[in-house]
Amino acid sequence: MATYSTFGEQLRTWRLDQGLSQEDFGELLDPKVRPSTVCCWENDVRCPSWRFLGQILALTGIPADLALRTDEA
């Protein structure tokens, strides 16, 4: 059975592959976000608001269906 990464895991992987800190990544967004916010997204504690989700998907190439996935049945 395939194991799917969460949105947060995908975001962290992309960020690290780019050599960006959480602060660096937050500064790519408009408006900028704090590293603590990026941390919450990466740990799947919170989901980005619609305001940021579109920017993140465009920047990282994370599939929208992964970002919108809810708990699996």
C-alpha atoms as a PDB file:
ATOM      1  CA  MET A   1       0.000   0.000   0.000  1.00  0.00           C
ATOM      2  CA  ALA A   2       1.363   3.414  -0.964  1.00  0.00           C
ATOM      3  CA  THR A   3       2.183   5.907   1.752  1.00  0.00           C
ATOM      4  CA  TYR A   4       1.229   9.472   0.943  1.00  0.00           C
ATOM      5  CA  SER A   5       2.992  12.431   2.455  1.00  0.00           C
ATOM      6  CA  THR A   6       0.961  15.132   4.087  1.00  0.00           C
ATOM      7  CA  PHE A   7       0.863  18.674   2.781  1.00  0.00           C
ATOM      8  CA  GLY A   8       3.185  19.723   5.596  1.00  0.00           C
ATOM      9  CA  GLU A   9       5.720  17.002   4.784  1.00  0.00           C
ATOM     10  CA  GLN A  10       5.689  18.006   1.126  1.00  0.00           C
ATOM     11  CA  LEU A  11       6.152  21.665   2.039  1.00  0.00           C
ATOM     12  CA  ARG A  12       9.090  20.883   4.342  1.00  0.00           C
ATOM     13  CA  THR A  13      10.722  18.644   1.729  1.00  0.00           C
ATOM     14  CA  TRP A  14      10.391  21.308  -0.973  1.00  0.00           C
ATOM     15  CA  ARG A  15      11.729  24.039   1.314  1.00  0.00           C
ATOM     16  CA  LEU A  16      14.750  22.002   2.385  1.00  0.00           C
ATOM     17  CA  ASP A  17      15.448  20.938  -1.210  1.00  0.00           C
ATOM     18  CA  GLN A  18      15.615  24.636  -2.082  1.00  0.00           C
ATOM     19  CA  GLY A  19      17.992  25.323   0.816  1.00  0.00           C
ATOM     20  CA  LEU A  20      15.538  27.710   2.451  1.00  0.00           C
ATOM     21  CA  SER A  21      15.011  28.289   6.152  1.00  0.00           C
ATOM     22  CA  GLN A  22      11.473  28.671   7.456  1.00  0.00           C
ATOM     23  CA  GLU A  23      12.170  32.393   7.678  1.00  0.00           C
ATOM     24  CA  ASP A  24      13.359  32.505   4.056  1.00  0.00           C
ATOM     25  CA  PHE A  25      10.248  30.685   2.892  1.00  0.00           C
ATOM     26  CA  GLY A  26       7.961  32.997   4.852  1.00  0.00           C
ATOM     27  CA  GLU A  27       9.564  35.978   3.156  1.00  0.00           C
ATOM     28  CA  LEU A  28       8.635  34.587  -0.283  1.00  0.00           C
ATOM     29  CA  LEU A  29       4.943  35.016   0.517  1.00  0.00           C
ATOM     30  CA  ASP A  30       2.919  38.203   0.259  1.00  0.00           C
ATOM     31  CA  PRO A  31       2.360  39.277   2.924  1.00  0.00           C
ATOM     32  CA  LYS A  32       5.326  37.699   4.652  1.00  0.00           C
ATOM     33  CA  VAL A  33       4.666  35.128   7.365  1.00  0.00           C
ATOM     34  CA  ARG A  34       6.593  34.279  10.510  1.00  0.00           C
ATOM     35  CA  PRO A  35       8.768  31.160  10.732  1.00  0.00           C
ATOM     36  CA  SER A  36       6.432  29.890  13.464  1.00  0.00           C
ATOM     37  CA  THR A  37       3.562  29.940  10.953  1.00  0.00           C
ATOM     38  CA  VAL A  38       5.601  27.968   8.423  1.00  0.00           C
ATOM     39  CA  CYS A  39       6.461  25.517  11.211  1.00  0.00           C
ATOM     40  CA  CYS A  40       2.764  24.987  11.998  1.00  0.00           C
ATOM     41  CA  TRP A  41       2.039  24.330   8.313  1.00  0.00           C
ATOM     42  CA  GLU A  42       4.921  21.878   8.009  1.00  0.00           C
ATOM     43  CA  ASN A  43       3.837  19.981  11.118  1.00  0.00           C
ATOM     44  CA  ASP A  44       0.211  19.892   9.921  1.00  0.00           C
ATOM     45  CA  VAL A  45      -0.867  21.783  13.034  1.00  0.00           C
ATOM     46  CA  ARG A  46      -2.622  24.385  10.868  1.00  0.00           C
ATOM     47  CA  CYS A  47      -3.483  24.664   7.199  1.00  0.00           C
ATOM     48  CA  PRO A  48      -2.591  27.790   5.256  1.00  0.00           C
ATOM     49  CA  SER A  49      -5.460  30.175   4.641  1.00  0.00           C
ATOM     50  CA  TRP A  50      -6.719  30.541   1.082  1.00  0.00           C
ATOM     51  CA  ARG A  51      -4.703  33.769   0.941  1.00  0.00           C
ATOM     52  CA  PHE A  52      -1.470  31.790   1.178  1.00  0.00           C
ATOM     53  CA  LEU A  53      -2.450  28.405  -0.212  1.00  0.00           C
ATOM     54  CA  GLY A  54      -2.527  29.565  -3.835  1.00  0.00           C
ATOM     55  CA  GLN A  55       0.881  31.198  -3.467  1.00  0.00           C
ATOM     56  CA  ILE A  56       2.360  28.079  -1.860  1.00  0.00           C
ATOM     57  CA  LEU A  57       0.972  25.733  -4.515  1.00  0.00           C
ATOM     58  CA  ALA A  58       2.244  27.963  -7.341  1.00  0.00           C
ATOM     59  CA  LEU A  59       5.662  28.291  -5.732  1.00  0.00           C
ATOM     60  CA  THR A  60       6.226  24.677  -4.741  1.00  0.00           C
ATOM     61  CA  GLY A  61       4.251  22.671  -7.282  1.00  0.00           C
ATOM     62  CA  ILE A  62       2.583  20.665  -4.497  1.00  0.00           C
ATOM     63  CA  PRO A  63      -0.570  19.114  -5.988  1.00  0.00           C
ATOM     64  CA  ALA A  64      -3.759  20.906  -4.967  1.00  0.00           C
ATOM     65  CA  ASP A  65      -5.454  17.598  -4.125  1.00  0.00           C
ATOM     66  CA  LEU A  66      -2.770  16.901  -1.515  1.00  0.00           C
ATOM     67  CA  ALA A  67      -3.169  20.351  -0.008  1.00  0.00           C
ATOM     68  CA  LEU A  68      -6.945  19.951   0.172  1.00  0.00           C
ATOM     69  CA  ARG A  69      -6.938  16.366   1.462  1.00  0.00           C
ATOM     70  CA  THR A  70      -8.674  15.816   4.759  1.00  0.00           C
ATOM     71  CA  ASP A  71      -8.312  12.879   7.148  1.00  0.00           C
ATOM     72  CA  GLU A  72      -8.528   9.612   5.249  1.00  0.00           C
ATOM     73  CA  ALA A  73     -11.393   7.276   6.019  1.00  0.00           C
END
